[in-house]
Amino acid sequence: MEKIRIVQIKSKIGRPKDQKRTLEALGLKKINGVVEHNATPQIIGMINKVKHLIKILK
């Protein structure tokens, strides 16, 4: 599996509850936090839901 590094670049304050929960499920807790995940369809779907709040590093 290919690994994906995700960085949170925007705050979750004022966002809908489902987007906050998606960030928490990805393991992102604060701005500039970095997590690494396998590129599964579930993770890709979560990334697409909050793509305006994160940045993908390869």
PDB file of N, CA and C in Angstrom:
ATOM      1  N   MET A   1       0.835  -1.194   0.000  1.00  0.00           N
ATOM      2  CA  MET A   1       0.000   0.000   0.000  1.00  0.00           C
ATOM      3  C   MET A   1       0.874   1.250   0.000  1.00  0.00           C
ATOM      4  N   GLU A   2       0.433   2.210  -0.744  1.00  0.00           N
ATOM      5  CA  GLU A   2       1.119   3.501  -0.774  1.00  0.00           C
ATOM      6  C   GLU A   2       0.780   4.290   0.490  1.00  0.00           C
ATOM      7  N   LYS A   3       1.768   4.979   1.026  1.00  0.00           N
ATOM      8  CA  LYS A   3       1.568   5.807   2.216  1.00  0.00           C
ATOM      9  C   LYS A   3       1.254   7.242   1.804  1.00  0.00           C
ATOM     10  N   ILE A   4       0.363   7.885   2.568  1.00  0.00           N
ATOM     11  CA  ILE A   4      -0.003   9.277   2.337  1.00  0.00           C
ATOM     12  C   ILE A   4       0.259  10.044   3.622  1.00  0.00           C
ATOM     13  N   ARG A   5       0.952  11.185   3.500  1.00  0.00           N
ATOM     14  CA  ARG A   5       1.154  12.070   4.652  1.00  0.00           C
ATOM     15  C   ARG A   5       0.177  13.228   4.524  1.00  0.00           C
ATOM     16  N   ILE A   6      -0.532  13.509   5.606  1.00  0.00           N
ATOM     17  CA  ILE A   6      -1.561  14.539   5.610  1.00  0.00           C
ATOM     18  C   ILE A   6      -1.196  15.593   6.646  1.00  0.00           C
ATOM     19  N   VAL A   7      -1.302  16.871   6.266  1.00  0.00           N
ATOM     20  CA  VAL A   7      -1.020  17.995   7.157  1.00  0.00           C
ATOM     21  C   VAL A   7      -2.282  18.840   7.248  1.00  0.00           C
ATOM     22  N   GLN A   8      -2.678  19.183   8.472  1.00  0.00           N
ATOM     23  CA  GLN A   8      -3.812  20.090   8.650  1.00  0.00           C
ATOM     24  C   GLN A   8      -3.316  21.516   8.494  1.00  0.00           C
ATOM     25  N   ILE A   9      -3.939  22.268   7.580  1.00  0.00           N
ATOM     26  CA  ILE A   9      -3.472  23.632   7.316  1.00  0.00           C
ATOM     27  C   ILE A   9      -4.478  24.694   7.754  1.00  0.00           C
ATOM     28  N   LYS A  10      -5.717  24.294   8.032  1.00  0.00           N
ATOM     29  CA  LYS A  10      -6.734  25.245   8.477  1.00  0.00           C
ATOM     30  C   LYS A  10      -7.417  24.716   9.721  1.00  0.00           C
ATOM     31  N   SER A  11      -7.982  25.629  10.495  1.00  0.00           N
ATOM     32  CA  SER A  11      -8.638  25.292  11.748  1.00  0.00           C
ATOM     33  C   SER A  11      -9.971  24.596  11.522  1.00  0.00           C
ATOM     34  N   LYS A  12     -10.358  23.763  12.483  1.00  0.00           N
ATOM     35  CA  LYS A  12     -11.666  23.115  12.425  1.00  0.00           C
ATOM     36  C   LYS A  12     -12.726  23.924  13.176  1.00  0.00           C
ATOM     37  N   ILE A  13     -12.347  25.051  13.765  1.00  0.00           N
ATOM     38  CA  ILE A  13     -13.302  25.897  14.479  1.00  0.00           C
ATOM     39  C   ILE A  13     -14.312  26.460  13.485  1.00  0.00           C
ATOM     40  N   GLY A  14     -15.588  26.357  13.817  1.00  0.00           N
ATOM     41  CA  GLY A  14     -16.646  26.870  12.967  1.00  0.00           C
ATOM     42  C   GLY A  14     -17.040  25.959  11.824  1.00  0.00           C
ATOM     43  N   ARG A  15     -16.464  24.778  11.767  1.00  0.00           N
ATOM     44  CA  ARG A  15     -16.789  23.816  10.705  1.00  0.00           C
ATOM     45  C   ARG A  15     -17.931  22.915  11.172  1.00  0.00           C
ATOM     46  N   PRO A  16     -18.637  22.287  10.236  1.00  0.00           N
ATOM     47  CA  PRO A  16     -19.691  21.349  10.623  1.00  0.00           C
ATOM     48  C   PRO A  16     -19.134  20.183  11.430  1.00  0.00           C
ATOM     49  N   LYS A  17     -19.979  19.607  12.255  1.00  0.00           N
ATOM     50  CA  LYS A  17     -19.562  18.540  13.167  1.00  0.00           C
ATOM     51  C   LYS A  17     -18.981  17.340  12.419  1.00  0.00           C
ATOM     52  N   ASP A  18     -19.536  17.013  11.246  1.00  0.00           N
ATOM     53  CA  ASP A  18     -19.024  15.859  10.511  1.00  0.00           C
ATOM     54  C   ASP A  18     -17.589  16.090  10.022  1.00  0.00           C
ATOM     55  N   GLN A  19     -17.252  17.333   9.663  1.00  0.00           N
ATOM     56  CA  GLN A  19     -15.880  17.618   9.249  1.00  0.00           C
ATOM     57  C   GLN A  19     -14.922  17.564  10.437  1.00  0.00           C
ATOM     58  N   LYS A  20     -15.361  18.046  11.602  1.00  0.00           N
ATOM     59  CA  LYS A  20     -14.532  17.955  12.809  1.00  0.00           C
ATOM     60  C   LYS A  20     -14.250  16.501  13.152  1.00  0.00           C
ATOM     61  N   ARG A  21     -15.281  15.676  13.074  1.00  0.00           N
ATOM     62  CA  ARG A  21     -15.117  14.247  13.393  1.00  0.00           C
ATOM     63  C   ARG A  21     -14.221  13.550  12.381  1.00  0.00           C
ATOM     64  N   THR A  22     -14.297  13.954  11.117  1.00  0.00           N
ATOM     65  CA  THR A  22     -13.429  13.366  10.096  1.00  0.00           C
ATOM     66  C   THR A  22     -11.969  13.690  10.369  1.00  0.00           C
ATOM     67  N   LEU A  23     -11.682  14.941  10.736  1.00  0.00           N
ATOM     68  CA  LEU A  23     -10.304  15.309  11.081  1.00  0.00           C
ATOM     69  C   LEU A  23      -9.810  14.506  12.276  1.00  0.00           C
ATOM     70  N   GLU A  24     -10.662  14.345  13.289  1.00  0.00           N
ATOM     71  CA  GLU A  24     -10.273  13.565  14.466  1.00  0.00           C
ATOM     72  C   GLU A  24     -10.045  12.101  14.096  1.00  0.00           C
ATOM     73  N   ALA A  25     -10.880  11.563  13.217  1.00  0.00           N
ATOM     74  CA  ALA A  25     -10.722  10.173  12.792  1.00  0.00           C
ATOM     75  C   ALA A  25      -9.428   9.972  12.007  1.00  0.00           C
ATOM     76  N   LEU A  26      -9.005  10.999  11.292  1.00  0.00           N
ATOM     77  CA  LEU A  26      -7.725  10.925  10.576  1.00  0.00           C
ATOM     78  C   LEU A  26      -6.541  11.068  11.529  1.00  0.00           C
ATOM     79  N   GLY A  27      -6.795  11.532  12.752  1.00  0.00           N
ATOM     80  CA  GLY A  27      -5.729  11.692  13.731  1.00  0.00           C
ATOM     81  C   GLY A  27      -5.163  13.095  13.781  1.00  0.00           C
ATOM     82  N   LEU A  28      -5.836  14.045  13.149  1.00  0.00           N
ATOM     83  CA  LEU A  28      -5.369  15.435  13.135  1.00  0.00           C
ATOM     84  C   LEU A  28      -6.003  16.192  14.285  1.00  0.00           C
ATOM     85  N   LYS A  29      -5.162  16.771  15.139  1.00  0.00           N
ATOM     86  CA  LYS A  29      -5.654  17.443  16.340  1.00  0.00           C
ATOM     87  C   LYS A  29      -5.465  18.945  16.298  1.00  0.00           C
ATOM     88  N   LYS A  30      -4.425  19.411  15.597  1.00  0.00           N
ATOM     89  CA  LYS A  30      -4.191  20.857  15.534  1.00  0.00           C
ATOM     90  C   LYS A  30      -3.507  21.221  14.224  1.00  0.00           C
ATOM     91  N   ILE A  31      -3.466  22.517  13.950  1.00  0.00           N
ATOM     92  CA  ILE A  31      -2.865  23.010  12.717  1.00  0.00           C
ATOM     93  C   ILE A  31      -1.387  22.621  12.676  1.00  0.00           C
ATOM     94  N   ASN A  32      -0.927  22.257  11.493  1.00  0.00           N
ATOM     95  CA  ASN A  32       0.429  21.766  11.215  1.00  0.00           C
ATOM     96  C   ASN A  32       0.688  20.378  11.783  1.00  0.00           C
ATOM     97  N   GLY A  33      -0.356  19.705  12.253  1.00  0.00           N
ATOM     98  CA  GLY A  33      -0.212  18.320  12.676  1.00  0.00           C
ATOM     99  C   GLY A  33      -0.064  17.432  11.447  1.00  0.00           C
ATOM    100  N   VAL A  34       0.820  16.447  11.525  1.00  0.00           N
ATOM    101  CA  VAL A  34       1.086  15.551  10.394  1.00  0.00           C
ATOM    102  C   VAL A  34       0.777  14.123  10.808  1.00  0.00           C
ATOM    103  N   VAL A  35       0.053  13.407   9.948  1.00  0.00           N
ATOM    104  CA  VAL A  35      -0.205  11.989  10.162  1.00  0.00           C
ATOM    105  C   VAL A  35       0.092  11.246   8.867  1.00  0.00           C
ATOM    106  N   GLU A  36       0.322   9.958   8.991  1.00  0.00           N
ATOM    107  CA  GLU A  36       0.614   9.124   7.831  1.00  0.00           C
ATOM    108  C   GLU A  36      -0.358   7.950   7.822  1.00  0.00           C
ATOM    109  N   HIS A  37      -0.978   7.701   6.674  1.00  0.00           N
ATOM    110  CA  HIS A  37      -1.944   6.626   6.524  1.00  0.00           C
ATOM    111  C   HIS A  37      -1.668   5.871   5.239  1.00  0.00           C
ATOM    112  N   ASN A  38      -2.163   4.627   5.183  1.00  0.00           N
ATOM    113  CA  ASN A  38      -2.160   3.879   3.931  1.00  0.00           C
ATOM    114  C   ASN A  38      -3.238   4.450   3.024  1.00  0.00           C
ATOM    115  N   ALA A  39      -3.023   4.391   1.720  1.00  0.00           N
ATOM    116  CA  ALA A  39      -3.965   4.964   0.751  1.00  0.00           C
ATOM    117  C   ALA A  39      -5.089   3.975   0.465  1.00  0.00           C
ATOM    118  N   THR A  40      -5.964   3.757   1.443  1.00  0.00           N
ATOM    119  CA  THR A  40      -7.126   2.885   1.254  1.00  0.00           C
ATOM    120  C   THR A  40      -8.294   3.720   0.746  1.00  0.00           C
ATOM    121  N   PRO A  41      -9.290   3.092   0.146  1.00  0.00           N
ATOM    122  CA  PRO A  41     -10.458   3.852  -0.324  1.00  0.00           C
ATOM    123  C   PRO A  41     -11.158   4.614   0.796  1.00  0.00           C
ATOM    124  N   GLN A  42     -11.167   4.072   2.006  1.00  0.00           N
ATOM    125  CA  GLN A  42     -11.808   4.747   3.135  1.00  0.00           C
ATOM    126  C   GLN A  42     -11.064   6.038   3.488  1.00  0.00           C
ATOM    127  N   ILE A  43      -9.755   5.977   3.535  1.00  0.00           N
ATOM    128  CA  ILE A  43      -8.945   7.153   3.866  1.00  0.00           C
ATOM    129  C   ILE A  43      -9.054   8.197   2.756  1.00  0.00           C
ATOM    130  N   ILE A  44      -9.052   7.766   1.503  1.00  0.00           N
ATOM    131  CA  ILE A  44      -9.190   8.693   0.378  1.00  0.00           C
ATOM    132  C   ILE A  44     -10.533   9.418   0.454  1.00  0.00           C
ATOM    133  N   GLY A  45     -11.596   8.710   0.813  1.00  0.00           N
ATOM    134  CA  GLY A  45     -12.904   9.333   0.971  1.00  0.00           C
ATOM    135  C   GLY A  45     -12.911  10.366   2.079  1.00  0.00           C
ATOM    136  N   MET A  46     -12.242  10.059   3.192  1.00  0.00           N
ATOM    137  CA  MET A  46     -12.156  11.012   4.302  1.00  0.00           C
ATOM    138  C   MET A  46     -11.364  12.251   3.885  1.00  0.00           C
ATOM    139  N   ILE A  47     -10.299  12.040   3.134  1.00  0.00           N
ATOM    140  CA  ILE A  47      -9.484  13.152   2.644  1.00  0.00           C
ATOM    141  C   ILE A  47     -10.311  14.053   1.735  1.00  0.00           C
ATOM    142  N   ASN A  48     -11.102  13.456   0.850  1.00  0.00           N
ATOM    143  CA  ASN A  48     -11.925  14.253  -0.068  1.00  0.00           C
ATOM    144  C   ASN A  48     -12.961  15.082   0.681  1.00  0.00           C
ATOM    145  N   LYS A  49     -13.424  14.592   1.822  1.00  0.00           N
ATOM    146  CA  LYS A  49     -14.441  15.317   2.588  1.00  0.00           C
ATOM    147  C   LYS A  49     -13.888  16.589   3.226  1.00  0.00           C
ATOM    148  N   VAL A  50     -12.605  16.569   3.608  1.00  0.00           N
ATOM    149  CA  VAL A  50     -12.010  17.734   4.288  1.00  0.00           C
ATOM    150  C   VAL A  50     -10.808  18.271   3.506  1.00  0.00           C
ATOM    151  N   LYS A  51     -10.813  18.142   2.190  1.00  0.00           N
ATOM    152  CA  LYS A  51      -9.665  18.553   1.384  1.00  0.00           C
ATOM    153  C   LYS A  51      -9.358  20.035   1.454  1.00  0.00           C
ATOM    154  N   HIS A  52     -10.342  20.856   1.847  1.00  0.00           N
ATOM    155  CA  HIS A  52     -10.128  22.290   1.972  1.00  0.00           C
ATOM    156  C   HIS A  52      -9.418  22.662   3.287  1.00  0.00           C
ATOM    157  N   LEU A  53      -9.282  21.684   4.215  1.00  0.00           N
ATOM    158  CA  LEU A  53      -8.643  21.925   5.501  1.00  0.00           C
ATOM    159  C   LEU A  53      -7.259  21.287   5.615  1.00  0.00           C
ATOM    160  N   ILE A  54      -6.904  20.457   4.644  1.00  0.00           N
ATOM    161  CA  ILE A  54      -5.660  19.692   4.723  1.00  0.00           C
ATOM    162  C   ILE A  54      -4.821  19.864   3.462  1.00  0.00           C
ATOM    163  N   LYS A  55      -3.594  19.362   3.549  1.00  0.00           N
ATOM    164  CA  LYS A  55      -2.666  19.340   2.416  1.00  0.00           C
ATOM    165  C   LYS A  55      -2.044  17.952   2.392  1.00  0.00           C
ATOM    166  N   ILE A  56      -1.879  17.394   1.196  1.00  0.00           N
ATOM    167  CA  ILE A  56      -1.332  16.054   1.028  1.00  0.00           C
ATOM    168  C   ILE A  56       0.150  16.153   0.664  1.00  0.00           C
ATOM    169  N   LEU A  57       0.969  15.415   1.398  1.00  0.00           N
ATOM    170  CA  LEU A  57       2.401  15.303   1.099  1.00  0.00           C
ATOM    171  C   LEU A  57       2.660  13.887   0.629  1.00  0.00           C
ATOM    172  N   LYS A  58       3.437  13.723  -0.406  1.00  0.00           N
ATOM    173  CA  LYS A  58       3.725  12.373  -0.915  1.00  0.00           C
ATOM    174  C   LYS A  58       5.070  11.902  -0.459  1.00  0.00           C
TER     175      LYS A  58
END
